[in-house]
Amino acid sequence: MDLVYIPAHQSTCEPYWMALLDEGELSPQPVPGPWEWFEDTAISSDIWKEAQRLQEQHVIVTLKIEAYNRGGLIAYWNGVECFIPASHLVAYPFPADPTAREQCFDGYIGQDMRLCIIEVEPGRNRVLLSERQVETCEKTQRHWPEWLHDNAICTGEITSVRPFGVFVDIGPLEGMVHISEISWGRVRHPQDFVQTGQTVQVMILNVDQEHQRVGLSLKRLQPNPWDKVTEKIRIGDLLDGTIASVERFGIFIELLSGLEGLLHISEINQNHHDTAIPLHQQYRVGDRIRVRILNIVPREHRIALGLPA
């Protein structure tokens, strides 16, 4: 976020007059006084990419009208100023005298409008929208096949592997497998499980037609190890596990594929652990360790561990 300084009594420049001729004066807005600072909020590139995606896919958005100027209405989407030119309103008095125009615009304030994006302008921190083209956008929206619904299983190709998840091309569009939906076990990075170009089967978790998004899962096509955890391990069992993570409060240990338990620091201290030395200096990820099962709570996906006596 950049701080922009507005000097007192700064003279207007050529871009100001061009903008004024283009759009007219804005409805009353707070103006920084002399020698004041205000924050110029930077819009991330991800937001501009999302706006361009919505435009390309003819997605209809619903926005609340916040203000207006002589040229049209103003709304906001993800911090971006959105402008709806008067010529793109369905109900606008043509020709309109200034009084009729202001009365027309004033009636839109606070109202929700269904709009489609017609132009994205990162350089001006603005998005142009249209009410008149909504019907056309709806007719040209991407067709959603009947099989694209919750709990459906489909095949796709992995197009991108990111730290937070995996993008999969399933035909009509790309869906995303969040990192939490890749495996029942711990996932440090998706690239440890899949790679770009790989063909995978996925389950559709949710479909958001308005934003053209589909949530997918890889792990839901595999048996949930917690469903039968008490058939595989029991309280009192001694098992050899692999340290998956060392935290301040204890150690997470992978006992079986997809099943982790917590060896709490209080259990470690009972076995003469030197409390002056942090756990991460005494235990390393990947080390094997023998533990005892103290408790199992399948519904909460929790296994409490202790060290052998």
Protein backbone atom coordinates (compact mmCIF):
# COMPACT_ATOMS: atom_id res chain seq x y z
CA MET A 1 0.00 0.00 0.00
CA ASP A 2 1.56 3.33 -1.10
CA LEU A 3 1.06 6.63 0.66
CA VAL A 4 0.30 9.49 -1.73
CA TYR A 5 0.92 13.07 -0.61
CA ILE A 6 -1.50 15.78 -1.71
CA PRO A 7 0.12 19.24 -1.37
CA ALA A 8 -2.09 22.16 -0.35
CA HIS A 9 -3.55 24.24 -3.19
CA GLN A 10 -2.12 21.95 -5.87
CA SER A 11 -3.12 23.18 -9.30
CA THR A 12 -5.16 20.89 -11.51
CA CYS A 13 -3.29 19.10 -14.28
CA GLU A 14 -4.20 18.01 -17.81
CA PRO A 15 -5.21 14.40 -16.84
CA TYR A 16 -7.67 15.87 -14.31
CA TRP A 17 -9.43 17.94 -16.97
CA MET A 18 -9.47 15.01 -19.41
CA ALA A 19 -11.10 12.83 -16.74
CA LEU A 20 -13.59 15.58 -15.95
CA LEU A 21 -14.59 15.93 -19.61
CA ASP A 22 -14.80 12.14 -19.91
CA GLU A 23 -16.94 11.43 -16.85
CA GLY A 24 -17.95 14.70 -15.21
CA GLU A 25 -17.69 15.52 -11.55
CA LEU A 26 -18.19 12.75 -9.04
CA SER A 27 -20.97 12.78 -6.52
CA PRO A 28 -19.74 14.22 -3.19
CA GLN A 29 -16.81 12.24 -1.80
CA PRO A 30 -14.41 12.97 1.11
CA VAL A 31 -11.43 15.02 -0.14
CA PRO A 32 -8.09 15.16 1.70
CA GLY A 33 -7.49 18.55 3.24
CA PRO A 34 -4.28 20.57 3.01
CA TRP A 35 -1.11 18.70 4.03
CA GLU A 36 -2.97 15.43 4.56
CA TRP A 37 -1.97 11.90 3.62
CA PHE A 38 -4.24 9.21 2.25
CA GLU A 39 -3.59 5.59 1.39
CA ASP A 40 -3.48 4.53 -2.24
CA THR A 41 -4.52 0.89 -2.06
CA ALA A 42 -2.65 -1.27 -4.54
CA ILE A 43 -4.83 -3.78 -6.39
CA SER A 44 -3.15 -7.18 -6.67
CA SER A 45 -2.56 -8.75 -10.08
CA ASP A 46 -4.71 -11.72 -8.98
CA ILE A 47 -7.76 -9.45 -8.76
CA TRP A 48 -7.17 -8.09 -12.26
CA LYS A 49 -6.74 -11.63 -13.58
CA GLU A 50 -9.99 -12.63 -11.92
CA ALA A 51 -11.77 -9.64 -13.49
CA GLN A 52 -10.42 -10.58 -16.91
CA ARG A 53 -11.55 -14.18 -16.39
CA LEU A 54 -15.06 -13.03 -15.51
CA GLN A 55 -15.11 -10.88 -18.64
CA GLU A 56 -13.86 -13.66 -20.91
CA GLN A 57 -16.35 -16.16 -19.52
CA HIS A 58 -19.28 -13.69 -19.62
CA VAL A 59 -20.00 -14.14 -15.92
CA ILE A 60 -22.80 -12.03 -14.46
CA VAL A 61 -21.89 -10.17 -11.24
CA THR A 62 -24.21 -8.47 -8.76
CA LEU A 63 -22.96 -5.18 -7.32
CA LYS A 64 -24.45 -2.46 -5.14
CA ILE A 65 -24.44 1.06 -6.62
CA GLU A 66 -22.48 3.40 -4.35
CA ALA A 67 -22.27 6.70 -6.27
CA TYR A 68 -22.58 8.35 -9.69
CA ASN A 69 -21.15 11.08 -11.88
CA ARG A 70 -22.36 12.82 -14.99
CA GLY A 71 -21.38 9.85 -17.12
CA GLY A 72 -22.92 6.95 -15.19
CA LEU A 73 -22.99 4.87 -12.03
CA ILE A 74 -20.19 3.75 -9.73
CA ALA A 75 -19.88 0.51 -7.76
CA TYR A 76 -16.99 -1.42 -6.20
CA TRP A 77 -15.78 -4.98 -6.68
CA ASN A 78 -12.87 -6.35 -4.59
CA GLY A 79 -11.67 -2.79 -3.96
CA VAL A 80 -11.74 -1.86 -7.65
CA GLU A 81 -13.85 1.07 -8.85
CA CYS A 82 -16.45 -0.17 -11.33
CA PHE A 83 -18.09 2.24 -13.76
CA ILE A 84 -21.41 1.66 -15.55
CA PRO A 85 -21.77 4.20 -18.38
CA ALA A 86 -25.23 5.73 -18.76
CA SER A 87 -25.46 4.32 -22.28
CA HIS A 88 -25.22 0.81 -20.80
CA LEU A 89 -28.24 1.19 -18.50
CA VAL A 90 -31.50 -0.46 -19.48
CA ALA A 91 -33.68 2.35 -18.10
CA TYR A 92 -32.11 5.71 -18.83
CA PRO A 93 -33.96 8.84 -20.08
CA PHE A 94 -32.71 9.83 -23.55
CA PRO A 95 -32.45 12.68 -24.20
CA ALA A 96 -32.06 13.69 -20.56
CA ASP A 97 -31.75 17.12 -19.07
CA PRO A 98 -29.36 17.46 -16.09
CA THR A 99 -32.19 17.34 -13.55
CA ALA A 100 -33.78 14.22 -15.04
CA ARG A 101 -30.38 12.56 -15.34
CA GLU A 102 -29.53 13.22 -11.69
CA GLN A 103 -32.94 11.97 -10.54
CA CYS A 104 -32.46 8.82 -12.59
CA PHE A 105 -28.98 8.13 -11.19
CA ASP A 106 -30.03 8.96 -7.64
CA GLY A 107 -32.66 6.22 -7.78
CA TYR A 108 -29.94 3.62 -8.31
CA ILE A 109 -28.00 4.44 -5.12
CA GLY A 110 -28.04 1.46 -2.74
CA GLN A 111 -29.62 -0.84 -5.32
CA ASP A 112 -28.14 -4.20 -6.37
CA MET A 113 -27.62 -4.55 -10.12
CA ARG A 114 -26.83 -7.56 -12.30
CA LEU A 115 -24.00 -6.56 -14.60
CA CYS A 116 -21.45 -8.02 -16.97
CA ILE A 117 -17.88 -6.83 -17.43
CA ILE A 118 -17.16 -5.22 -20.80
CA GLU A 119 -13.68 -3.81 -20.17
CA VAL A 120 -10.91 -4.22 -17.59
CA GLU A 121 -8.53 -1.28 -17.12
CA PRO A 122 -5.74 -2.00 -14.59
CA GLY A 123 -3.95 1.19 -15.56
CA ARG A 124 -6.92 3.25 -14.36
CA ASN A 125 -7.80 0.94 -11.47
CA ARG A 126 -11.24 0.52 -12.99
CA VAL A 127 -13.62 -1.98 -14.49
CA LEU A 128 -16.35 -1.04 -16.98
CA LEU A 129 -19.66 -2.90 -16.78
CA SER A 130 -22.94 -3.01 -18.65
CA GLU A 131 -26.54 -3.71 -17.71
CA ARG A 132 -27.71 -3.76 -21.32
CA GLN A 133 -25.38 -6.62 -22.26
CA VAL A 134 -26.41 -8.93 -19.42
CA GLU A 135 -28.87 -10.83 -21.61
CA THR A 136 -26.24 -11.28 -24.34
CA CYS A 137 -23.67 -12.46 -21.77
CA GLU A 138 -26.11 -15.04 -20.39
CA LYS A 139 -26.64 -16.46 -23.87
CA THR A 140 -22.90 -16.75 -24.51
CA GLN A 141 -21.95 -18.24 -21.14
CA ARG A 142 -20.10 -21.51 -21.22
CA HIS A 143 -22.39 -24.52 -21.37
CA TRP A 144 -22.48 -26.62 -18.23
CA PRO A 145 -22.87 -30.34 -19.02
CA GLU A 146 -25.34 -32.42 -17.06
CA TRP A 147 -22.61 -34.55 -15.49
CA LEU A 148 -21.01 -31.48 -13.86
CA HIS A 149 -22.59 -31.63 -10.40
CA ASP A 150 -21.70 -32.35 -6.77
CA ASN A 151 -20.31 -35.82 -6.02
CA ALA A 152 -19.77 -36.65 -9.71
CA ILE A 153 -16.52 -38.42 -10.62
CA CYS A 154 -14.61 -37.33 -13.71
CA THR A 155 -11.17 -37.52 -15.33
CA GLY A 156 -8.96 -34.53 -16.01
CA GLU A 157 -5.43 -33.39 -16.67
CA ILE A 158 -3.37 -31.46 -14.14
CA THR A 159 -2.49 -28.08 -15.61
CA SER A 160 -0.76 -26.44 -12.65
CA VAL A 161 0.63 -27.44 -9.25
CA ARG A 162 0.72 -24.63 -6.70
CA PRO A 163 1.62 -24.56 -2.96
CA PHE A 164 -2.07 -24.18 -2.05
CA GLY A 165 -3.52 -26.76 -4.44
CA VAL A 166 -3.77 -28.30 -7.90
CA PHE A 167 -5.62 -27.07 -10.99
CA VAL A 168 -7.24 -29.74 -13.14
CA ASP A 169 -8.73 -29.35 -16.63
CA ILE A 170 -11.96 -31.36 -16.55
CA GLY A 171 -13.32 -30.31 -19.94
CA PRO A 172 -15.59 -27.30 -19.80
CA LEU A 173 -13.25 -25.50 -17.39
CA GLU A 174 -10.51 -25.87 -14.80
CA GLY A 175 -11.31 -27.01 -11.29
CA MET A 176 -9.12 -26.81 -8.22
CA VAL A 177 -8.11 -29.46 -5.71
CA HIS A 178 -7.28 -27.63 -2.48
CA ILE A 179 -4.22 -28.91 -0.61
CA SER A 180 -6.53 -30.28 2.12
CA GLU A 181 -8.29 -32.47 -0.50
CA ILE A 182 -5.19 -34.13 -1.96
CA SER A 183 -4.59 -36.86 0.62
CA TRP A 184 -5.96 -38.11 3.92
CA GLY A 185 -2.41 -37.85 5.24
CA ARG A 186 -0.22 -34.80 5.73
CA VAL A 187 0.56 -32.85 2.54
CA ARG A 188 3.56 -30.56 2.79
CA HIS A 189 3.44 -29.62 -0.90
CA PRO A 190 1.11 -30.94 -3.64
CA GLN A 191 4.08 -31.64 -5.91
CA ASP A 192 4.99 -34.53 -3.60
CA PHE A 193 1.81 -36.28 -4.82
CA VAL A 194 1.09 -35.13 -8.38
CA GLN A 195 2.74 -33.37 -11.31
CA THR A 196 1.71 -31.18 -14.24
CA GLY A 197 0.40 -33.16 -17.22
CA GLN A 198 -0.70 -36.11 -15.11
CA THR A 199 -4.16 -37.59 -15.76
CA VAL A 200 -6.18 -38.06 -12.57
CA GLN A 201 -9.64 -39.01 -11.42
CA VAL A 202 -11.33 -36.47 -9.18
CA MET A 203 -14.60 -36.05 -7.32
CA ILE A 204 -16.57 -32.83 -7.75
CA LEU A 205 -17.22 -31.28 -4.34
CA ASN A 206 -19.07 -28.11 -5.35
CA VAL A 207 -20.02 -26.15 -8.45
CA ASP A 208 -20.23 -22.35 -8.46
CA GLN A 209 -21.80 -21.43 -11.78
CA GLU A 210 -21.90 -17.71 -11.04
CA HIS A 211 -18.12 -17.49 -10.67
CA GLN A 212 -17.37 -20.43 -13.01
CA ARG A 213 -15.56 -22.38 -10.28
CA VAL A 214 -15.47 -26.06 -9.43
CA GLY A 215 -14.04 -27.56 -6.24
CA LEU A 216 -12.45 -31.00 -6.66
CA SER A 217 -11.03 -33.73 -4.45
CA LEU A 218 -8.50 -36.50 -4.94
CA LYS A 219 -8.66 -38.00 -1.47
CA ARG A 220 -12.44 -38.61 -1.51
CA LEU A 221 -11.87 -41.37 -4.07
CA GLN A 222 -9.69 -43.22 -1.56
CA PRO A 223 -10.92 -44.99 1.58
CA ASN A 224 -10.88 -42.76 4.64
CA PRO A 225 -8.42 -44.48 7.03
CA TRP A 226 -10.20 -42.91 10.01
CA ASP A 227 -13.37 -44.89 9.27
CA LYS A 228 -11.70 -48.14 10.37
CA VAL A 229 -8.92 -46.82 12.54
CA THR A 230 -9.98 -48.91 15.57
CA GLU A 231 -9.69 -52.06 13.46
CA LYS A 232 -6.06 -51.27 12.65
CA ILE A 233 -4.77 -49.98 15.98
CA ARG A 234 -5.97 -50.26 19.58
CA ILE A 235 -5.31 -48.45 22.83
CA GLY A 236 -2.17 -49.84 24.42
CA ASP A 237 -0.56 -50.94 21.14
CA LEU A 238 3.16 -50.26 20.64
CA LEU A 239 3.94 -49.04 17.11
CA ASP A 240 6.88 -47.71 15.16
CA GLY A 241 6.03 -44.44 13.41
CA THR A 242 7.69 -41.71 11.37
CA ILE A 243 7.98 -38.14 12.65
CA ALA A 244 5.88 -35.98 10.30
CA SER A 245 6.16 -32.65 12.10
CA VAL A 246 7.85 -31.18 15.18
CA GLU A 247 5.88 -28.42 16.87
CA ARG A 248 6.37 -26.38 20.03
CA PHE A 249 3.70 -28.39 21.86
CA GLY A 250 4.61 -31.86 20.65
CA ILE A 251 5.39 -34.19 17.76
CA PHE A 252 3.05 -35.47 15.03
CA ILE A 253 3.85 -39.03 14.10
CA GLU A 254 2.57 -40.93 11.06
CA LEU A 255 1.58 -44.38 12.27
CA LEU A 256 -0.03 -45.75 9.09
CA SER A 257 -0.80 -44.21 5.70
CA GLY A 258 -3.12 -41.26 6.37
CA LEU A 259 -3.11 -41.74 10.15
CA GLU A 260 -1.16 -39.41 12.42
CA GLY A 261 -1.03 -39.18 16.19
CA LEU A 262 0.25 -36.51 18.58
CA LEU A 263 2.97 -37.17 21.09
CA HIS A 264 2.33 -34.25 23.42
CA ILE A 265 5.26 -32.51 25.08
CA SER A 266 3.85 -33.42 28.50
CA GLU A 267 4.27 -37.11 27.62
CA ILE A 268 7.82 -36.47 26.45
CA ASN A 269 8.71 -34.59 29.64
CA GLN A 270 7.63 -37.58 31.74
CA ASN A 271 10.45 -39.52 30.10
CA HIS A 272 13.21 -37.19 31.33
CA HIS A 273 13.11 -34.84 28.36
CA ASP A 274 15.43 -31.85 28.85
CA THR A 275 12.92 -28.98 28.84
CA ALA A 276 15.72 -26.46 28.27
CA ILE A 277 16.29 -27.83 24.75
CA PRO A 278 13.51 -27.21 22.15
CA LEU A 279 11.88 -30.27 20.66
CA HIS A 280 13.02 -29.45 17.11
CA GLN A 281 16.62 -29.72 18.27
CA GLN A 282 16.09 -33.24 19.63
CA TYR A 283 13.71 -34.70 17.05
CA ARG A 284 13.85 -34.51 13.25
CA VAL A 285 11.22 -35.00 10.58
CA GLY A 286 11.63 -38.43 9.00
CA ASP A 287 13.11 -40.12 12.09
CA ARG A 288 11.54 -43.37 13.26
CA ILE A 289 10.21 -43.50 16.81
CA ARG A 290 8.42 -46.11 18.91
CA VAL A 291 5.23 -44.96 20.65
CA ARG A 292 2.29 -46.28 22.64
CA ILE A 293 -1.38 -45.62 21.72
CA LEU A 294 -3.03 -43.78 24.65
CA ASN A 295 -6.38 -42.77 23.13
CA ILE A 296 -8.26 -42.79 19.80
CA VAL A 297 -11.05 -40.38 18.83
CA PRO A 298 -12.04 -41.29 15.22
CA ARG A 299 -14.69 -38.57 14.78
CA GLU A 300 -12.16 -35.87 15.63
CA HIS A 301 -9.30 -37.55 13.73
CA ARG A 302 -7.20 -37.60 16.89
CA ILE A 303 -4.81 -40.18 18.30
CA ALA A 304 -2.99 -39.46 21.58
CA LEU A 305 0.46 -41.03 21.90
CA GLY A 306 2.94 -41.69 24.67
CA LEU A 307 6.42 -43.13 24.90
CA PRO A 308 7.00 -46.74 25.97
CA ALA A 309 7.49 -47.17 29.67
